[in-house]
Protein backbone atom coordinates (compact mmCIF):
# COMPACT_ATOMS: atom_id res chain seq x y z
CA MET A 1 -0.09 -0.09 -0.25
CA GLU A 2 0.94 3.40 -0.59
CA ALA A 3 1.24 5.64 2.74
CA ASP A 4 0.04 8.75 0.97
CA ASN A 5 -3.48 9.67 2.35
CA ASP A 6 -4.03 6.45 3.64
CA LEU A 7 -6.64 6.38 6.76
CA ALA A 8 -6.71 3.57 9.48
CA VAL A 9 -8.94 2.67 12.25
CA ALA A 10 -8.93 0.06 15.04
CA SER A 11 -11.74 -2.07 16.10
CA LEU A 12 -13.27 -1.24 19.63
CA SER A 13 -12.21 -4.88 20.39
CA GLY A 14 -8.37 -4.11 19.61
CA ARG A 15 -8.82 -7.33 17.37
CA PHE A 16 -8.70 -5.64 14.08
CA LEU A 17 -7.26 -2.69 11.89
CA TYR A 18 -8.89 -1.24 8.95
CA VAL A 19 -7.02 0.97 6.29
CA ALA A 20 -8.38 2.69 3.51
CA GLY A 21 -5.99 3.26 1.00
CA PHE A 22 -4.34 2.75 -2.40
CA GLU A 23 -2.86 -0.74 -3.46
CA GLN A 24 -0.12 -0.08 -5.83
CA LEU A 25 0.23 -3.38 -7.33
CA VAL A 26 -3.53 -3.50 -8.57
CA GLY A 27 -3.87 0.36 -9.01
CA ARG A 28 -6.99 0.84 -6.87
CA ARG A 29 -8.23 2.20 -3.55
CA ALA A 30 -9.76 -0.16 -1.26
CA ILE A 31 -10.27 -1.02 2.34
CA PHE A 32 -7.53 -3.36 3.92
CA CYS A 33 -8.53 -5.32 6.85
CA PHE A 34 -6.00 -7.04 9.18
CA SER A 35 -6.12 -9.14 12.27
CA ILE A 36 -4.13 -7.85 15.33
CA THR A 37 -2.42 -10.80 17.24
CA GLY A 38 0.38 -11.33 19.72
CA ALA A 39 2.17 -9.33 22.27
CA ASP A 40 3.62 -7.35 19.51
CA GLY A 41 0.67 -6.53 17.71
CA GLU A 42 1.41 -8.48 14.65
CA LEU A 43 -0.91 -7.64 11.72
CA THR A 44 -2.13 -10.52 9.41
CA SER A 45 -4.40 -9.74 6.42
CA LEU A 46 -7.75 -10.91 6.65
CA ILE A 47 -9.02 -13.56 3.99
CA ASP A 48 -11.04 -11.75 1.36
CA SER A 49 -9.15 -8.30 1.88
CA PRO A 50 -9.18 -5.86 0.41
CA PHE A 51 -12.95 -5.05 0.35
CA ASP A 52 -14.85 -2.76 -1.74
CA PRO A 53 -12.41 -1.83 -4.39
CA SER A 54 -15.14 0.98 -5.62
CA ILE A 55 -13.49 3.56 -3.41
CA GLN A 56 -12.46 6.93 -5.13
CA LEU A 57 -10.90 9.24 -2.61
CA PRO A 58 -11.67 8.40 1.18
CA THR A 59 -11.46 11.28 3.35
CA GLY A 60 -12.59 9.83 6.88
CA LEU A 61 -12.70 6.58 8.53
CA VAL A 62 -14.63 5.73 11.80
CA ILE A 63 -16.26 2.83 13.63
CA ASP A 64 -19.68 3.44 15.73
CA GLY A 65 -19.62 3.34 19.28
CA GLN A 66 -20.94 -0.44 19.48
CA GLY A 67 -17.99 -1.53 17.11
CA LYS A 68 -20.56 -2.78 14.56
CA ARG A 69 -20.42 -0.40 11.67
CA LEU A 70 -17.51 1.13 9.90
CA TYR A 71 -18.08 4.45 8.12
CA LEU A 72 -16.14 5.78 5.15
CA SER A 73 -16.12 9.31 3.79
CA ASP A 74 -15.59 9.07 -0.06
CA VAL A 75 -15.29 12.44 -2.06
CA GLY A 76 -14.46 10.81 -5.08
CA ASP A 77 -14.74 12.96 -8.64
CA PRO A 78 -18.11 12.33 -10.48
CA PRO A 79 -19.40 10.70 -12.34
CA PRO A 80 -19.16 7.64 -10.01
CA ALA A 81 -22.20 6.89 -8.29
CA THR A 82 -20.31 6.65 -4.90
CA ALA A 83 -18.66 10.17 -5.25
CA ASN A 84 -19.50 12.61 -2.28
CA SER A 85 -20.99 10.08 0.08
CA ILE A 86 -20.39 8.05 3.16
CA LYS A 87 -20.29 4.41 2.84
CA ALA A 88 -21.49 1.98 5.70
CA TYR A 89 -20.19 -1.53 6.23
CA ALA A 90 -21.15 -4.26 8.69
CA ILE A 91 -18.43 -5.69 10.98
CA ASP A 92 -18.22 -9.33 11.63
CA ALA A 93 -17.50 -9.27 15.35
CA SER A 94 -15.81 -12.88 15.17
CA THR A 95 -13.57 -12.60 11.84
CA GLY A 96 -13.41 -8.94 11.52
CA ALA A 97 -14.90 -9.26 7.85
CA LEU A 98 -16.96 -6.25 6.20
CA SER A 99 -20.08 -6.36 4.37
CA VAL A 100 -21.24 -3.34 2.44
CA GLY A 101 -24.12 -1.58 3.58
CA PRO A 102 -26.19 1.29 2.35
CA ILE A 103 -24.63 4.13 0.83
CA PHE A 104 -25.58 7.81 1.88
CA GLN A 105 -25.31 10.11 -1.19
CA GLU A 106 -24.77 14.07 -1.22
CA THR A 107 -28.07 15.25 -2.71
CA ARG A 108 -28.17 18.88 -4.04
CA GLN A 109 -31.15 21.00 -4.33
CA GLY A 110 -31.85 23.06 -7.82
CA SER A 111 -31.42 26.52 -7.80
């Protein structure tokens, strides 16, 4: 992953790390998920990671207060359907895997 503009957040349990960033080898942005293990905090990529390669330009990453959902703000350039949006993901508490949930899209009123 490229370190420029990457975002990271740990799960409330401290067992998982989520990073929204750019994967240089495949040339796309996505959410990369890792389990955190051992006394030294070793990271291991989760099966099926990275998740959601439709991310354009992430600007924020947060986990809700119950640790059940991850939210990502995406201000990618239009015309992608996900530009200027907040994406929600359900977090599997046992595996750390993400499931894509609703996308909250910016709406503009006509003038």
